[in-house]
Amino acid sequence: MRQRPQTASGVTFLTMEDEHGLVNVIVWRDVAETYRRVLLESELLGIHGRWEALNGVCHLIASRLLDMSELLGGLDVRSRDFH
């Protein structure tokens, strides 16, 4: 899930999920601009960054975004809408 609220001064917030659960990711404006295509078009997104934990709240501060979509091979990755 990707969010970029107008009140966030260009910061993009991602919620990523893996086999361990959910993680909140913060993508600062300069990182989002550098990796814009990867951020918007990747079907499988890899993130390098710094883990930050403060007062029980944990975030990953992104420094590099990777398009890892080729690892999906022939899997069907279309979005499923359940309405």
PDB file of N, CA and C in Angstrom:
ATOM      1  N   MET A   1       0.856  -1.160   0.000  1.00  0.00           N
ATOM      2  CA  MET A   1       0.000   0.000   0.000  1.00  0.00           C
ATOM      3  C   MET A   1       0.906   1.227   0.000  1.00  0.00           C
ATOM      4  N   ARG A   2       0.567   2.205  -0.821  1.00  0.00           N
ATOM      5  CA  ARG A   2       1.373   3.424  -0.948  1.00  0.00           C
ATOM      6  C   ARG A   2       0.478   4.630  -0.693  1.00  0.00           C
ATOM      7  N   GLN A   3       0.968   5.567   0.142  1.00  0.00           N
ATOM      8  CA  GLN A   3       0.224   6.789   0.442  1.00  0.00           C
ATOM      9  C   GLN A   3       1.169   7.973   0.360  1.00  0.00           C
ATOM     10  N   ARG A   4       0.678   9.067  -0.206  1.00  0.00           N
ATOM     11  CA  ARG A   4       1.463  10.304  -0.257  1.00  0.00           C
ATOM     12  C   ARG A   4       0.529  11.474   0.025  1.00  0.00           C
ATOM     13  N   PRO A   5       0.206  11.683   1.309  1.00  0.00           N
ATOM     14  CA  PRO A   5      -0.724  12.762   1.668  1.00  0.00           C
ATOM     15  C   PRO A   5      -0.144  14.141   1.350  1.00  0.00           C
ATOM     16  N   GLN A   6      -1.001  15.066   0.971  1.00  0.00           N
ATOM     17  CA  GLN A   6      -0.552  16.428   0.660  1.00  0.00           C
ATOM     18  C   GLN A   6       0.097  17.095   1.862  1.00  0.00           C
ATOM     19  N   THR A   7      -0.303  16.715   3.045  1.00  0.00           N
ATOM     20  CA  THR A   7       0.237  17.339   4.257  1.00  0.00           C
ATOM     21  C   THR A   7       1.591  16.768   4.662  1.00  0.00           C
ATOM     22  N   ALA A   8       2.118  15.789   3.915  1.00  0.00           N
ATOM     23  CA  ALA A   8       3.366  15.113   4.300  1.00  0.00           C
ATOM     24  C   ALA A   8       4.604  15.714   3.640  1.00  0.00           C
ATOM     25  N   SER A   9       4.487  16.842   2.976  1.00  0.00           N
ATOM     26  CA  SER A   9       5.623  17.531   2.355  1.00  0.00           C
ATOM     27  C   SER A   9       6.423  16.631   1.424  1.00  0.00           C
ATOM     28  N   GLY A  10       5.744  15.835   0.613  1.00  0.00           N
ATOM     29  CA  GLY A  10       6.414  15.006  -0.370  1.00  0.00           C
ATOM     30  C   GLY A  10       6.885  13.652   0.121  1.00  0.00           C
ATOM     31  N   VAL A  11       6.648  13.327   1.377  1.00  0.00           N
ATOM     32  CA  VAL A  11       7.033  12.025   1.916  1.00  0.00           C
ATOM     33  C   VAL A  11       6.014  10.982   1.457  1.00  0.00           C
ATOM     34  N   THR A  12       6.515   9.817   1.033  1.00  0.00           N
ATOM     35  CA  THR A  12       5.644   8.701   0.659  1.00  0.00           C
ATOM     36  C   THR A  12       5.722   7.654   1.755  1.00  0.00           C
ATOM     37  N   PHE A  13       4.571   7.154   2.161  1.00  0.00           N
ATOM     38  CA  PHE A  13       4.493   6.115   3.186  1.00  0.00           C
ATOM     39  C   PHE A  13       4.058   4.817   2.519  1.00  0.00           C
ATOM     40  N   LEU A  14       4.788   3.751   2.795  1.00  0.00           N
ATOM     41  CA  LEU A  14       4.455   2.431   2.272  1.00  0.00           C
ATOM     42  C   LEU A  14       4.165   1.502   3.434  1.00  0.00           C
ATOM     43  N   THR A  15       3.260   0.587   3.235  1.00  0.00           N
ATOM     44  CA  THR A  15       3.059  -0.517   4.162  1.00  0.00           C
ATOM     45  C   THR A  15       3.401  -1.772   3.382  1.00  0.00           C
ATOM     46  N   MET A  16       4.424  -2.475   3.815  1.00  0.00           N
ATOM     47  CA  MET A  16       4.896  -3.678   3.129  1.00  0.00           C
ATOM     48  C   MET A  16       4.572  -4.890   3.991  1.00  0.00           C
ATOM     49  N   GLU A  17       4.360  -6.014   3.320  1.00  0.00           N
ATOM     50  CA  GLU A  17       4.059  -7.251   4.036  1.00  0.00           C
ATOM     51  C   GLU A  17       4.959  -8.361   3.521  1.00  0.00           C
ATOM     52  N   ASP A  18       5.484  -9.152   4.440  1.00  0.00           N
ATOM     53  CA  ASP A  18       6.212 -10.366   4.081  1.00  0.00           C
ATOM     54  C   ASP A  18       5.754 -11.484   5.017  1.00  0.00           C
ATOM     55  N   GLU A  19       6.487 -12.572   5.031  1.00  0.00           N
ATOM     56  CA  GLU A  19       6.079 -13.720   5.839  1.00  0.00           C
ATOM     57  C   GLU A  19       6.130 -13.445   7.341  1.00  0.00           C
ATOM     58  N   HIS A  20       6.754 -12.346   7.759  1.00  0.00           N
ATOM     59  CA  HIS A  20       6.863 -12.006   9.176  1.00  0.00           C
ATOM     60  C   HIS A  20       5.812 -11.002   9.629  1.00  0.00           C
ATOM     61  N   GLY A  21       5.126 -10.367   8.680  1.00  0.00           N
ATOM     62  CA  GLY A  21       4.104  -9.393   9.042  1.00  0.00           C
ATOM     63  C   GLY A  21       4.235  -8.103   8.258  1.00  0.00           C
ATOM     64  N   LEU A  22       3.756  -7.019   8.847  1.00  0.00           N
ATOM     65  CA  LEU A  22       3.741  -5.706   8.200  1.00  0.00           C
ATOM     66  C   LEU A  22       4.885  -4.837   8.691  1.00  0.00           C
ATOM     67  N   VAL A  23       5.358  -3.950   7.819  1.00  0.00           N
ATOM     68  CA  VAL A  23       6.361  -2.970   8.212  1.00  0.00           C
ATOM     69  C   VAL A  23       6.000  -1.636   7.553  1.00  0.00           C
ATOM     70  N   ASN A  24       6.155  -0.563   8.304  1.00  0.00           N
ATOM     71  CA  ASN A  24       5.940   0.778   7.778  1.00  0.00           C
ATOM     72  C   ASN A  24       7.248   1.273   7.179  1.00  0.00           C
ATOM     73  N   VAL A  25       7.171   1.830   5.960  1.00  0.00           N
ATOM     74  CA  VAL A  25       8.351   2.326   5.258  1.00  0.00           C
ATOM     75  C   VAL A  25       8.144   3.807   4.983  1.00  0.00           C
ATOM     76  N   ILE A  26       9.178   4.599   5.253  1.00  0.00           N
ATOM     77  CA  ILE A  26       9.154   6.024   4.947  1.00  0.00           C
ATOM     78  C   ILE A  26      10.114   6.268   3.789  1.00  0.00           C
ATOM     79  N   VAL A  27       9.598   6.886   2.725  1.00  0.00           N
ATOM     80  CA  VAL A  27      10.405   7.204   1.552  1.00  0.00           C
ATOM     81  C   VAL A  27      10.444   8.720   1.428  1.00  0.00           C
ATOM     82  N   TRP A  28      11.595   9.308   1.739  1.00  0.00           N
ATOM     83  CA  TRP A  28      11.740  10.762   1.648  1.00  0.00           C
ATOM     84  C   TRP A  28      11.648  11.191   0.188  1.00  0.00           C
ATOM     85  N   ARG A  29      11.317  12.438  -0.042  1.00  0.00           N
ATOM     86  CA  ARG A  29      11.081  12.984  -1.373  1.00  0.00           C
ATOM     87  C   ARG A  29      12.248  12.721  -2.334  1.00  0.00           C
ATOM     88  N   ASP A  30      13.486  12.939  -1.910  1.00  0.00           N
ATOM     89  CA  ASP A  30      14.626  12.754  -2.813  1.00  0.00           C
ATOM     90  C   ASP A  30      14.786  11.292  -3.238  1.00  0.00           C
ATOM     91  N   VAL A  31      14.530  10.359  -2.327  1.00  0.00           N
ATOM     92  CA  VAL A  31      14.594   8.931  -2.665  1.00  0.00           C
ATOM     93  C   VAL A  31      13.452   8.585  -3.617  1.00  0.00           C
ATOM     94  N   ALA A  32      12.258   9.086  -3.357  1.00  0.00           N
ATOM     95  CA  ALA A  32      11.101   8.827  -4.226  1.00  0.00           C
ATOM     96  C   ALA A  32      11.347   9.371  -5.631  1.00  0.00           C
ATOM     97  N   GLU A  33      11.959  10.543  -5.740  1.00  0.00           N
ATOM     98  CA  GLU A  33      12.235  11.118  -7.057  1.00  0.00           C
ATOM     99  C   GLU A  33      13.311  10.318  -7.790  1.00  0.00           C
ATOM    100  N   THR A  34      14.351   9.892  -7.077  1.00  0.00           N
ATOM    101  CA  THR A  34      15.426   9.110  -7.687  1.00  0.00           C
ATOM    102  C   THR A  34      14.912   7.774  -8.204  1.00  0.00           C
ATOM    103  N   TYR A  35      14.037   7.132  -7.454  1.00  0.00           N
ATOM    104  CA  TYR A  35      13.538   5.800  -7.790  1.00  0.00           C
ATOM    105  C   TYR A  35      12.062   5.834  -8.192  1.00  0.00           C
ATOM    106  N   ARG A  36      11.626   6.909  -8.773  1.00  0.00           N
ATOM    107  CA  ARG A  36      10.203   7.108  -9.103  1.00  0.00           C
ATOM    108  C   ARG A  36       9.620   5.942  -9.895  1.00  0.00           C
ATOM    109  N   ARG A  37      10.264   5.561 -10.981  1.00  0.00           N
ATOM    110  CA  ARG A  37       9.748   4.485 -11.833  1.00  0.00           C
ATOM    111  C   ARG A  37       9.650   3.174 -11.046  1.00  0.00           C
ATOM    112  N   VAL A  38      10.671   2.862 -10.263  1.00  0.00           N
ATOM    113  CA  VAL A  38      10.667   1.634  -9.447  1.00  0.00           C
ATOM    114  C   VAL A  38       9.527   1.692  -8.439  1.00  0.00           C
ATOM    115  N   LEU A  39       9.366   2.828  -7.781  1.00  0.00           N
ATOM    116  CA  LEU A  39       8.324   2.995  -6.769  1.00  0.00           C
ATOM    117  C   LEU A  39       6.924   2.808  -7.354  1.00  0.00           C
ATOM    118  N   LEU A  40       6.705   3.311  -8.544  1.00  0.00           N
ATOM    119  CA  LEU A  40       5.366   3.281  -9.140  1.00  0.00           C
ATOM    120  C   LEU A  40       5.066   2.020  -9.942  1.00  0.00           C
ATOM    121  N   GLU A  41       6.089   1.362 -10.493  1.00  0.00           N
ATOM    122  CA  GLU A  41       5.834   0.282 -11.439  1.00  0.00           C
ATOM    123  C   GLU A  41       6.232  -1.115 -10.974  1.00  0.00           C
ATOM    124  N   SER A  42       6.968  -1.245  -9.902  1.00  0.00           N
ATOM    125  CA  SER A  42       7.430  -2.572  -9.473  1.00  0.00           C
ATOM    126  C   SER A  42       6.281  -3.442  -8.991  1.00  0.00           C
ATOM    127  N   GLU A  43       6.312  -4.700  -9.406  1.00  0.00           N
ATOM    128  CA  GLU A  43       5.360  -5.670  -8.893  1.00  0.00           C
ATOM    129  C   GLU A  43       5.908  -6.345  -7.643  1.00  0.00           C
ATOM    130  N   LEU A  44       7.235  -6.361  -7.527  1.00  0.00           N
ATOM    131  CA  LEU A  44       7.913  -6.870  -6.336  1.00  0.00           C
ATOM    132  C   LEU A  44       8.997  -5.859  -5.989  1.00  0.00           C
ATOM    133  N   LEU A  45       8.856  -5.198  -4.861  1.00  0.00           N
ATOM    134  CA  LEU A  45       9.730  -4.091  -4.480  1.00  0.00           C
ATOM    135  C   LEU A  45      10.684  -4.510  -3.372  1.00  0.00           C
ATOM    136  N   GLY A  46      11.976  -4.295  -3.605  1.00  0.00           N
ATOM    137  CA  GLY A  46      12.986  -4.500  -2.575  1.00  0.00           C
ATOM    138  C   GLY A  46      13.397  -3.148  -2.014  1.00  0.00           C
ATOM    139  N   ILE A  47      13.690  -3.093  -0.722  1.00  0.00           N
ATOM    140  CA  ILE A  47      14.029  -1.820  -0.076  1.00  0.00           C
ATOM    141  C   ILE A  47      15.284  -1.981   0.760  1.00  0.00           C
ATOM    142  N   HIS A  48      16.249  -1.098   0.546  1.00  0.00           N
ATOM    143  CA  HIS A  48      17.405  -0.976   1.431  1.00  0.00           C
ATOM    144  C   HIS A  48      17.145   0.255   2.283  1.00  0.00           C
ATOM    145  N   GLY A  49      17.501   0.180   3.552  1.00  0.00           N
ATOM    146  CA  GLY A  49      17.280   1.338   4.397  1.00  0.00           C
ATOM    147  C   GLY A  49      17.750   1.115   5.815  1.00  0.00           C
ATOM    148  N   ARG A  50      17.375   2.022   6.663  1.00  0.00           N
ATOM    149  CA  ARG A  50      17.764   2.017   8.080  1.00  0.00           C
ATOM    150  C   ARG A  50      16.533   1.721   8.925  1.00  0.00           C
ATOM    151  N   TRP A  51      16.661   0.761   9.811  1.00  0.00           N
ATOM    152  CA  TRP A  51      15.582   0.404  10.723  1.00  0.00           C
ATOM    153  C   TRP A  51      15.578   1.388  11.872  1.00  0.00           C
ATOM    154  N   GLU A  52      14.419   1.945  12.186  1.00  0.00           N
ATOM    155  CA  GLU A  52      14.307   2.920  13.269  1.00  0.00           C
ATOM    156  C   GLU A  52      13.187   2.478  14.207  1.00  0.00           C
ATOM    157  N   ALA A  53      13.514   2.386  15.486  1.00  0.00           N
ATOM    158  CA  ALA A  53      12.519   2.015  16.498  1.00  0.00           C
ATOM    159  C   ALA A  53      12.589   3.047  17.615  1.00  0.00           C
ATOM    160  N   LEU A  54      11.452   3.669  17.895  1.00  0.00           N
ATOM    161  CA  LEU A  54      11.396   4.696  18.928  1.00  0.00           C
ATOM    162  C   LEU A  54      10.068   4.576  19.655  1.00  0.00           C
ATOM    163  N   ASN A  55      10.136   4.388  20.962  1.00  0.00           N
ATOM    164  CA  ASN A  55       8.926   4.286  21.788  1.00  0.00           C
ATOM    165  C   ASN A  55       7.953   3.220  21.283  1.00  0.00           C
ATOM    166  N   GLY A  56       8.484   2.095  20.844  1.00  0.00           N
ATOM    167  CA  GLY A  56       7.647   0.998  20.392  1.00  0.00           C
ATOM    168  C   GLY A  56       7.121   1.117  18.974  1.00  0.00           C
ATOM    169  N   VAL A  57       7.458   2.198  18.277  1.00  0.00           N
ATOM    170  CA  VAL A  57       7.039   2.384  16.893  1.00  0.00           C
ATOM    171  C   VAL A  57       8.248   2.107  16.004  1.00  0.00           C
ATOM    172  N   CYS A  58       8.070   1.211  15.029  1.00  0.00           N
ATOM    173  CA  CYS A  58       9.174   0.817  14.158  1.00  0.00           C
ATOM    174  C   CYS A  58       8.879   1.218  12.716  1.00  0.00           C
ATOM    175  N   HIS A  59       9.920   1.740  12.039  1.00  0.00           N
ATOM    176  CA  HIS A  59       9.820   2.139  10.635  1.00  0.00           C
ATOM    177  C   HIS A  59      11.102   1.719   9.931  1.00  0.00           C
ATOM    178  N   LEU A  60      11.005   1.533   8.633  1.00  0.00           N
ATOM    179  CA  LEU A  60      12.165   1.375   7.784  1.00  0.00           C
ATOM    180  C   LEU A  60      12.287   2.655   6.974  1.00  0.00           C
ATOM    181  N   ILE A  61      13.406   3.341   7.113  1.00  0.00           N
ATOM    182  CA  ILE A  61      13.651   4.579   6.369  1.00  0.00           C
ATOM    183  C   ILE A  61      14.380   4.180   5.085  1.00  0.00           C
ATOM    184  N   ALA A  62      13.718   4.282   3.950  1.00  0.00           N
ATOM    185  CA  ALA A  62      14.262   3.812   2.684  1.00  0.00           C
ATOM    186  C   ALA A  62      15.404   4.698   2.193  1.00  0.00           C
ATOM    187  N   SER A  63      16.452   4.049   1.699  1.00  0.00           N
ATOM    188  CA  SER A  63      17.553   4.781   1.067  1.00  0.00           C
ATOM    189  C   SER A  63      17.730   4.349  -0.389  1.00  0.00           C
ATOM    190  N   ARG A  64      17.199   3.169  -0.732  1.00  0.00           N
ATOM    191  CA  ARG A  64      17.328   2.644  -2.093  1.00  0.00           C
ATOM    192  C   ARG A  64      16.161   1.695  -2.364  1.00  0.00           C
ATOM    193  N   LEU A  65      15.569   1.812  -3.546  1.00  0.00           N
ATOM    194  CA  LEU A  65      14.457   0.954  -3.946  1.00  0.00           C
ATOM    195  C   LEU A  65      14.893   0.112  -5.134  1.00  0.00           C
ATOM    196  N   LEU A  66      14.504  -1.166  -5.117  1.00  0.00           N
ATOM    197  CA  LEU A  66      14.907  -2.098  -6.159  1.00  0.00           C
ATOM    198  C   LEU A  66      13.683  -2.747  -6.792  1.00  0.00           C
ATOM    199  N   ASP A  67      13.664  -2.816  -8.121  1.00  0.00           N
ATOM    200  CA  ASP A  67      12.622  -3.544  -8.822  1.00  0.00           C
ATOM    201  C   ASP A  67      13.070  -4.999  -8.907  1.00  0.00           C
ATOM    202  N   MET A  68      12.414  -5.855  -8.170  1.00  0.00           N
ATOM    203  CA  MET A  68      12.769  -7.275  -8.123  1.00  0.00           C
ATOM    204  C   MET A  68      11.699  -8.123  -8.808  1.00  0.00           C
ATOM    205  N   SER A  69      10.923  -7.504  -9.685  1.00  0.00           N
ATOM    206  CA  SER A  69       9.796  -8.159 -10.342  1.00  0.00           C
ATOM    207  C   SER A  69      10.200  -9.400 -11.122  1.00  0.00           C
ATOM    208  N   GLU A  70      11.423  -9.427 -11.659  1.00  0.00           N
ATOM    209  CA  GLU A  70      11.844 -10.590 -12.447  1.00  0.00           C
ATOM    210  C   GLU A  70      11.857 -11.875 -11.619  1.00  0.00           C
ATOM    211  N   LEU A  71      11.945 -11.755 -10.305  1.00  0.00           N
ATOM    212  CA  LEU A  71      11.934 -12.937  -9.439  1.00  0.00           C
ATOM    213  C   LEU A  71      10.558 -13.610  -9.386  1.00  0.00           C
ATOM    214  N   LEU A  72       9.532 -12.903  -9.837  1.00  0.00           N
ATOM    215  CA  LEU A  72       8.184 -13.467  -9.823  1.00  0.00           C
ATOM    216  C   LEU A  72       7.976 -14.498 -10.926  1.00  0.00           C
ATOM    217  N   GLY A  73       8.841 -14.473 -11.937  1.00  0.00           N
ATOM    218  CA  GLY A  73       8.709 -15.432 -13.030  1.00  0.00           C
ATOM    219  C   GLY A  73       7.349 -15.333 -13.686  1.00  0.00           C
ATOM    220  N   GLY A  74       6.668 -16.442 -13.821  1.00  0.00           N
ATOM    221  CA  GLY A  74       5.373 -16.468 -14.489  1.00  0.00           C
ATOM    222  C   GLY A  74       4.191 -16.387 -13.553  1.00  0.00           C
ATOM    223  N   LEU A  75       4.397 -15.983 -12.304  1.00  0.00           N
ATOM    224  CA  LEU A  75       3.275 -15.892 -11.371  1.00  0.00           C
ATOM    225  C   LEU A  75       2.278 -14.823 -11.802  1.00  0.00           C
ATOM    226  N   ASP A  76       1.011 -15.062 -11.559  1.00  0.00           N
ATOM    227  CA  ASP A  76      -0.028 -14.087 -11.826  1.00  0.00           C
ATOM    228  C   ASP A  76      -0.045 -13.102 -10.663  1.00  0.00           C
ATOM    229  N   VAL A  77       0.328 -11.844 -10.918  1.00  0.00           N
ATOM    230  CA  VAL A  77       0.442 -10.857  -9.840  1.00  0.00           C
ATOM    231  C   VAL A  77      -0.595  -9.747  -9.950  1.00  0.00           C
ATOM    232  N   ARG A  78      -1.647 -10.008 -10.741  1.00  0.00           N
ATOM    233  CA  ARG A  78      -2.699  -8.987 -10.842  1.00  0.00           C
ATOM    234  C   ARG A  78      -3.380  -8.784  -9.503  1.00  0.00           C
ATOM    235  N   SER A  79      -3.837  -7.568  -9.271  1.00  0.00           N
ATOM    236  CA  SER A  79      -4.562  -7.243  -8.058  1.00  0.00           C
ATOM    237  C   SER A  79      -5.896  -7.968  -8.036  1.00  0.00           C
ATOM    238  N   ARG A  80      -6.289  -8.444  -6.864  1.00  0.00           N
ATOM    239  CA  ARG A  80      -7.594  -9.090  -6.705  1.00  0.00           C
ATOM    240  C   ARG A  80      -8.464  -8.172  -5.868  1.00  0.00           C
ATOM    241  N   ASP A  81      -9.590  -7.812  -6.407  1.00  0.00           N
ATOM    242  CA  ASP A  81     -10.525  -6.932  -5.700  1.00  0.00           C
ATOM    243  C   ASP A  81     -11.698  -7.775  -5.216  1.00  0.00           C
ATOM    244  N   PHE A  82     -11.973  -7.687  -3.933  1.00  0.00           N
ATOM    245  CA  PHE A  82     -12.983  -8.541  -3.312  1.00  0.00           C
ATOM    246  C   PHE A  82     -14.253  -7.770  -2.957  1.00  0.00           C
ATOM    247  N   HIS A  83     -14.827  -7.011  -3.914  1.00  0.00           N
ATOM    248  CA  HIS A  83     -16.075  -6.355  -3.573  1.00  0.00           C
ATOM    249  C   HIS A  83     -17.225  -7.012  -4.232  1.00  0.00           C
TER     250      HIS A  83
END
